[in-house]
Amino acid sequence: MTCCGSGLRRALAYVDGKPRLDGVRSFLAARGVELPEGDETDTAQAATVYGLGARKDALFTRRLRSERVGVFAKTSISFVACARTA
């Protein structure tokens, strides 16, 4: 079953199952990128860990609002099974 591109599978290895900011830190560290931590008041434009997390949330929310969310033909279990193999 194919549900994810290889880039998404690689990214999920760093962020899946982690709190948002831990995923941001893990993803950046894997690429040798260092950003200041910042704090919860940082906007999506801030070049900080918190800012990048806010940007990800803003992009995700915008996408959810502009596109329909697909439904798996069988059940959500199909998605979980696919995501575990990613």
N, C-alpha and C. Protein backbone atom coordinates (compact mmCIF):
# COMPACT_ATOMS: atom_id res chain seq x y z
N MET A 1 0.85 -1.18 0.00
CA MET A 1 0.00 0.00 0.00
C MET A 1 0.89 1.24 0.00
N THR A 2 0.62 2.16 -0.88
CA THR A 2 1.38 3.40 -0.94
C THR A 2 0.51 4.53 -0.44
N CYS A 3 1.00 5.24 0.55
CA CYS A 3 0.21 6.37 1.06
C CYS A 3 1.07 7.59 1.29
N CYS A 4 2.36 7.43 1.27
CA CYS A 4 3.24 8.55 1.61
C CYS A 4 4.40 8.58 0.64
N GLY A 5 4.83 9.77 0.26
CA GLY A 5 6.03 9.90 -0.54
C GLY A 5 7.26 9.65 0.32
N SER A 6 8.39 9.38 -0.31
CA SER A 6 9.60 9.07 0.46
C SER A 6 10.05 10.25 1.31
N GLY A 7 9.84 11.48 0.84
CA GLY A 7 10.20 12.65 1.64
C GLY A 7 9.38 12.73 2.92
N LEU A 8 8.10 12.43 2.80
CA LEU A 8 7.24 12.43 3.98
C LEU A 8 7.66 11.34 4.95
N ARG A 9 7.99 10.17 4.43
CA ARG A 9 8.44 9.07 5.30
C ARG A 9 9.70 9.47 6.06
N ARG A 10 10.63 10.12 5.37
CA ARG A 10 11.86 10.55 6.05
C ARG A 10 11.56 11.59 7.11
N ALA A 11 10.70 12.54 6.80
CA ALA A 11 10.36 13.59 7.77
C ALA A 11 9.65 12.99 8.98
N LEU A 12 8.76 12.04 8.75
CA LEU A 12 8.02 11.43 9.87
C LEU A 12 8.96 10.75 10.86
N ALA A 13 10.08 10.27 10.39
CA ALA A 13 11.04 9.62 11.29
C ALA A 13 11.51 10.57 12.39
N TYR A 14 11.49 11.86 12.11
CA TYR A 14 11.95 12.85 13.09
C TYR A 14 10.84 13.49 13.89
N VAL A 15 9.63 13.48 13.38
CA VAL A 15 8.56 14.23 14.05
C VAL A 15 7.40 13.38 14.56
N ASP A 16 7.20 12.21 13.99
CA ASP A 16 6.02 11.40 14.31
C ASP A 16 6.01 10.98 15.77
N GLY A 17 4.89 11.22 16.41
CA GLY A 17 4.69 10.80 17.80
C GLY A 17 5.33 11.70 18.83
N LYS A 18 5.90 12.80 18.39
CA LYS A 18 6.56 13.71 19.31
C LYS A 18 5.73 14.98 19.48
N PRO A 19 5.84 15.62 20.64
CA PRO A 19 5.22 16.94 20.76
C PRO A 19 5.80 17.87 19.68
N ARG A 20 5.02 18.83 19.24
CA ARG A 20 5.40 19.69 18.11
C ARG A 20 6.81 20.24 18.21
N LEU A 21 7.15 20.84 19.32
CA LEU A 21 8.47 21.48 19.42
C LEU A 21 9.60 20.46 19.46
N ASP A 22 9.37 19.31 20.06
CA ASP A 22 10.39 18.24 20.04
C ASP A 22 10.61 17.76 18.60
N GLY A 23 9.54 17.67 17.82
CA GLY A 23 9.67 17.29 16.42
C GLY A 23 10.45 18.32 15.63
N VAL A 24 10.19 19.59 15.87
CA VAL A 24 10.94 20.66 15.20
C VAL A 24 12.42 20.54 15.54
N ARG A 25 12.73 20.37 16.81
CA ARG A 25 14.14 20.27 17.23
C ARG A 25 14.81 19.05 16.59
N SER A 26 14.14 17.92 16.58
CA SER A 26 14.69 16.69 16.02
C SER A 26 14.93 16.84 14.52
N PHE A 27 13.96 17.39 13.82
CA PHE A 27 14.07 17.59 12.38
C PHE A 27 15.24 18.51 12.05
N LEU A 28 15.37 19.61 12.77
CA LEU A 28 16.47 20.55 12.53
C LEU A 28 17.83 19.92 12.87
N ALA A 29 17.91 19.23 13.99
CA ALA A 29 19.17 18.62 14.42
C ALA A 29 19.65 17.60 13.39
N ALA A 30 18.73 16.84 12.81
CA ALA A 30 19.10 15.84 11.82
C ALA A 30 19.72 16.46 10.58
N ARG A 31 19.44 17.73 10.36
CA ARG A 31 19.97 18.44 9.21
C ARG A 31 21.09 19.41 9.57
N GLY A 32 21.50 19.39 10.84
CA GLY A 32 22.58 20.26 11.28
C GLY A 32 22.19 21.73 11.34
N VAL A 33 20.90 22.00 11.47
CA VAL A 33 20.41 23.39 11.52
C VAL A 33 20.21 23.78 12.98
N GLU A 34 20.75 24.93 13.34
CA GLU A 34 20.58 25.44 14.69
C GLU A 34 19.77 26.73 14.65
N LEU A 35 18.76 26.78 15.47
CA LEU A 35 17.95 27.99 15.63
C LEU A 35 17.84 28.30 17.11
N PRO A 36 17.71 29.58 17.47
CA PRO A 36 17.44 29.89 18.87
C PRO A 36 16.09 29.29 19.27
N GLU A 37 15.95 29.00 20.54
CA GLU A 37 14.72 28.38 21.04
C GLU A 37 13.51 29.32 20.90
N GLY A 38 13.69 30.57 21.27
CA GLY A 38 12.56 31.49 21.27
C GLY A 38 11.61 31.17 22.41
N ASP A 39 10.37 31.63 22.30
CA ASP A 39 9.37 31.31 23.33
C ASP A 39 7.99 31.31 22.71
N GLU A 40 6.99 31.01 23.51
CA GLU A 40 5.63 30.83 23.01
C GLU A 40 5.02 32.10 22.41
N THR A 41 5.65 33.24 22.60
CA THR A 41 5.13 34.47 22.00
C THR A 41 5.63 34.68 20.57
N ASP A 42 6.55 33.84 20.10
CA ASP A 42 7.09 33.99 18.75
C ASP A 42 6.02 33.74 17.70
N THR A 43 6.02 34.59 16.69
CA THR A 43 5.08 34.41 15.58
C THR A 43 5.68 33.45 14.55
N ALA A 44 4.88 33.11 13.56
CA ALA A 44 5.32 32.21 12.51
C ALA A 44 6.47 32.78 11.69
N GLN A 45 6.70 34.07 11.77
CA GLN A 45 7.81 34.68 11.02
C GLN A 45 9.13 34.65 11.78
N ALA A 46 9.12 34.29 13.05
CA ALA A 46 10.34 34.29 13.86
C ALA A 46 11.25 33.13 13.46
N ALA A 47 12.54 33.40 13.35
CA ALA A 47 13.53 32.38 13.01
C ALA A 47 13.98 31.68 14.29
N THR A 48 13.02 31.00 14.94
CA THR A 48 13.27 30.28 16.18
C THR A 48 12.56 28.93 16.11
N VAL A 49 12.86 28.06 17.06
CA VAL A 49 12.16 26.78 17.14
C VAL A 49 10.67 27.01 17.33
N TYR A 50 10.31 27.89 18.24
CA TYR A 50 8.90 28.20 18.45
C TYR A 50 8.27 28.82 17.19
N GLY A 51 8.99 29.69 16.53
CA GLY A 51 8.49 30.32 15.32
C GLY A 51 8.24 29.30 14.21
N LEU A 52 9.17 28.36 14.04
CA LEU A 52 9.00 27.34 13.02
C LEU A 52 7.82 26.43 13.36
N GLY A 53 7.66 26.11 14.62
CA GLY A 53 6.50 25.33 15.04
C GLY A 53 5.20 26.07 14.76
N ALA A 54 5.19 27.37 15.01
CA ALA A 54 4.00 28.18 14.73
C ALA A 54 3.72 28.23 13.23
N ARG A 55 4.78 28.33 12.44
CA ARG A 55 4.60 28.36 10.97
C ARG A 55 4.02 27.05 10.48
N LYS A 56 4.54 25.94 10.97
CA LYS A 56 4.01 24.63 10.58
C LYS A 56 2.53 24.53 10.91
N ASP A 57 2.17 24.97 12.11
CA ASP A 57 0.76 24.92 12.51
C ASP A 57 -0.11 25.81 11.62
N ALA A 58 0.39 26.99 11.27
CA ALA A 58 -0.37 27.91 10.42
C ALA A 58 -0.57 27.32 9.02
N LEU A 59 0.49 26.73 8.46
CA LEU A 59 0.38 26.12 7.13
C LEU A 59 -0.57 24.93 7.15
N PHE A 60 -0.46 24.11 8.17
CA PHE A 60 -1.33 22.93 8.28
C PHE A 60 -2.79 23.35 8.42
N THR A 61 -3.05 24.34 9.28
CA THR A 61 -4.42 24.82 9.48
C THR A 61 -4.98 25.41 8.19
N ARG A 62 -4.17 26.19 7.47
CA ARG A 62 -4.62 26.77 6.21
C ARG A 62 -4.95 25.68 5.20
N ARG A 63 -4.11 24.67 5.15
CA ARG A 63 -4.37 23.57 4.21
C ARG A 63 -5.66 22.82 4.57
N LEU A 64 -5.87 22.58 5.84
CA LEU A 64 -7.11 21.91 6.25
C LEU A 64 -8.34 22.71 5.86
N ARG A 65 -8.23 24.02 5.96
CA ARG A 65 -9.38 24.87 5.63
C ARG A 65 -9.62 24.98 4.12
N SER A 66 -8.56 24.85 3.33
CA SER A 66 -8.70 25.04 1.88
C SER A 66 -8.91 23.75 1.10
N GLU A 67 -8.58 22.62 1.70
CA GLU A 67 -8.72 21.35 0.99
C GLU A 67 -9.60 20.40 1.79
N ARG A 68 -10.22 19.54 1.07
CA ARG A 68 -11.02 18.53 1.75
C ARG A 68 -10.09 17.49 2.35
N VAL A 69 -10.49 16.96 3.46
CA VAL A 69 -9.73 15.90 4.10
C VAL A 69 -10.20 14.59 3.51
N GLY A 70 -9.28 13.83 2.95
CA GLY A 70 -9.63 12.57 2.33
C GLY A 70 -10.01 11.51 3.35
N VAL A 71 -10.85 10.61 2.91
CA VAL A 71 -11.27 9.51 3.76
C VAL A 71 -10.70 8.23 3.17
N PHE A 72 -10.12 7.40 4.00
CA PHE A 72 -9.59 6.13 3.53
C PHE A 72 -10.74 5.21 3.19
N ALA A 73 -10.58 4.47 2.10
CA ALA A 73 -11.66 3.61 1.61
C ALA A 73 -12.14 2.62 2.66
N LYS A 74 -11.22 2.04 3.39
CA LYS A 74 -11.62 1.04 4.38
C LYS A 74 -11.93 1.74 5.70
N THR A 75 -10.91 2.15 6.41
CA THR A 75 -11.09 2.81 7.70
C THR A 75 -9.84 3.59 8.04
N SER A 76 -9.90 4.25 9.16
CA SER A 76 -8.71 4.94 9.66
C SER A 76 -7.61 3.95 9.99
N ILE A 77 -7.98 2.73 10.23
CA ILE A 77 -6.99 1.70 10.53
C ILE A 77 -6.04 1.53 9.36
N SER A 78 -6.53 1.72 8.14
CA SER A 78 -5.67 1.63 6.96
C SER A 78 -4.57 2.69 7.02
N PHE A 79 -4.95 3.88 7.43
CA PHE A 79 -3.97 4.95 7.54
C PHE A 79 -2.92 4.62 8.60
N VAL A 80 -3.37 4.17 9.75
CA VAL A 80 -2.45 3.84 10.84
C VAL A 80 -1.47 2.76 10.39
N ALA A 81 -1.98 1.75 9.73
CA ALA A 81 -1.12 0.67 9.24
C ALA A 81 -0.10 1.20 8.25
N CYS A 82 -0.53 2.08 7.36
CA CYS A 82 0.37 2.66 6.37
C CYS A 82 1.40 3.57 7.03
N ALA A 83 0.96 4.39 7.95
CA ALA A 83 1.86 5.32 8.64
C ALA A 83 2.93 4.57 9.43
N ARG A 84 2.58 3.43 9.98
CA ARG A 84 3.56 2.65 10.75
C ARG A 84 4.65 2.08 9.86
N THR A 85 4.37 1.88 8.60
CA THR A 85 5.38 1.36 7.68
C THR A 85 6.23 2.46 7.08
N ALA A 86 5.82 3.70 7.29
CA ALA A 86 6.53 4.85 6.71
C ALA A 86 7.85 5.08 7.39
